[in-house]
Amino acid sequence: MHTLPQTLATGWIETGTNLGTEFKTFLLYIVIPIIALIGVILTWWKTHSTPAAIVALIMGCAVWWGALHMDMLRDKTGDDINRSNTVSTTSGAGTANGGPLGTGAR
């Protein structure tokens, strides 16, 4: 038998989960396509160029596709990252003009 606080907490967690799922669905299927469409309309309005509007449409579709497939893309990123603890010799930190940064020494 659950106590009243446990029952309320369970209800609140379920409600929060359901609202989060509904909000994610709203963003993915309503907000992102509308923003992409606005981008296409604004691109055509400013340039009056059909090819530019088509490129904007393709880019908007690519962003929407990426948002819809976030889980797959998240899992793919680990394949390309080298997780070694070594530091690259071309990392940009170190010397400028042959000496320590900011000194100009050689």
Protein backbone atom coordinates (compact mmCIF):
# COMPACT_ATOMS: atom_id res chain seq x y z
CA MET A 1 0.00 0.00 0.00
CA HIS A 2 1.37 3.38 -1.00
CA THR A 3 1.25 6.37 1.24
CA LEU A 4 -0.23 9.63 0.03
CA PRO A 5 3.17 11.35 -0.56
CA GLN A 6 4.40 8.37 -2.60
CA THR A 7 1.23 8.38 -4.69
CA LEU A 8 1.48 12.14 -5.28
CA ALA A 9 5.18 11.90 -6.21
CA THR A 10 4.46 9.07 -8.65
CA GLY A 11 1.67 11.11 -10.22
CA TRP A 12 3.86 14.20 -10.53
CA ILE A 13 6.69 12.20 -12.12
CA GLU A 14 4.31 10.64 -14.65
CA THR A 15 2.77 14.02 -15.42
CA GLY A 16 6.20 15.59 -15.91
CA THR A 17 7.29 12.74 -18.17
CA ASN A 18 4.13 13.04 -20.26
CA LEU A 19 4.50 16.82 -20.56
CA GLY A 20 8.13 16.44 -21.60
CA THR A 21 7.20 13.92 -24.28
CA GLU A 22 4.40 16.13 -25.57
CA PHE A 23 6.71 19.17 -25.62
CA LYS A 24 9.37 17.24 -27.55
CA THR A 25 6.75 16.14 -30.07
CA PHE A 26 5.49 19.73 -30.38
CA LEU A 27 9.02 21.01 -31.03
CA LEU A 28 9.91 18.30 -33.54
CA TYR A 29 6.70 18.29 -35.59
CA ILE A 30 5.41 21.86 -35.27
CA VAL A 31 8.07 24.40 -34.25
CA ILE A 32 11.07 23.24 -36.30
CA PRO A 33 9.13 22.91 -39.60
CA ILE A 34 7.55 26.34 -39.08
CA ILE A 35 10.96 27.92 -38.41
CA ALA A 36 12.36 26.20 -41.52
CA LEU A 37 9.42 27.49 -43.59
CA ILE A 38 9.94 31.01 -42.25
CA GLY A 39 13.60 30.73 -43.25
CA VAL A 40 12.64 29.74 -46.79
CA ILE A 41 10.12 32.57 -47.07
CA LEU A 42 12.57 35.15 -45.71
CA THR A 43 15.32 33.91 -48.04
CA TRP A 44 13.07 34.24 -51.07
CA TRP A 45 11.74 37.61 -49.89
CA LYS A 46 15.21 39.13 -49.48
CA THR A 47 16.82 37.61 -52.56
CA HIS A 48 13.91 36.90 -54.93
CA SER A 49 16.04 33.94 -55.97
CA THR A 50 14.42 30.56 -56.47
CA PRO A 51 17.75 28.67 -56.18
CA ALA A 52 18.49 30.41 -52.87
CA ALA A 53 15.02 29.48 -51.60
CA ILE A 54 15.56 25.86 -52.68
CA VAL A 55 18.90 25.76 -50.83
CA ALA A 56 17.18 27.22 -47.75
CA LEU A 57 14.50 24.53 -48.06
CA ILE A 58 17.12 21.78 -48.30
CA MET A 59 18.98 23.17 -45.28
CA GLY A 60 15.74 23.43 -43.29
CA CYS A 61 14.94 19.81 -44.16
CA ALA A 62 18.44 18.76 -43.11
CA VAL A 63 18.03 20.47 -39.74
CA TRP A 64 14.60 18.89 -39.27
CA TRP A 65 15.97 15.45 -40.22
CA GLY A 66 18.82 15.91 -37.76
CA ALA A 67 16.41 16.87 -35.00
CA LEU A 68 14.20 13.86 -35.71
CA HIS A 69 17.19 11.49 -35.68
CA MET A 70 19.03 12.90 -32.64
CA ASP A 71 19.37 9.49 -31.00
CA MET A 72 21.02 7.91 -34.03
CA LEU A 73 23.35 10.87 -34.51
CA ARG A 74 24.28 10.88 -30.83
CA ASP A 75 25.29 7.23 -31.05
CA LYS A 76 27.34 7.85 -34.22
CA THR A 77 29.54 10.61 -32.80
CA GLY A 78 31.47 8.27 -30.52
CA ASP A 79 32.76 6.35 -33.56
CA ASP A 80 34.69 9.34 -34.88
CA ILE A 81 36.22 10.67 -31.66
CA ASN A 82 39.68 9.55 -30.60
CA ARG A 83 39.48 9.21 -26.83
CA SER A 84 43.22 8.96 -26.14
CA ASN A 85 44.79 11.10 -23.42
CA THR A 86 47.58 12.41 -25.62
CA VAL A 87 47.76 16.06 -26.63
CA SER A 88 48.27 16.94 -30.27
CA THR A 89 51.46 18.82 -31.11
CA THR A 90 49.41 21.07 -33.38
CA SER A 91 46.82 21.98 -30.75
CA GLY A 92 47.59 25.70 -31.00
CA ALA A 93 48.86 26.09 -27.44
CA GLY A 94 52.50 26.79 -26.81
CA THR A 95 54.68 29.22 -28.67
CA ALA A 96 54.33 32.16 -31.00
CA ASN A 97 57.32 33.28 -33.08
CA GLY A 98 59.39 30.51 -31.55
CA GLY A 99 58.99 31.64 -27.92
CA PRO A 100 56.36 31.50 -25.20
CA LEU A 101 53.08 33.23 -26.07
CA GLY A 102 53.13 36.97 -25.68
CA THR A 103 56.90 37.35 -25.25
CA GLY A 104 58.02 37.39 -28.87
CA ALA A 105 61.20 35.62 -27.71
CA ARG A 106 62.85 33.04 -29.91
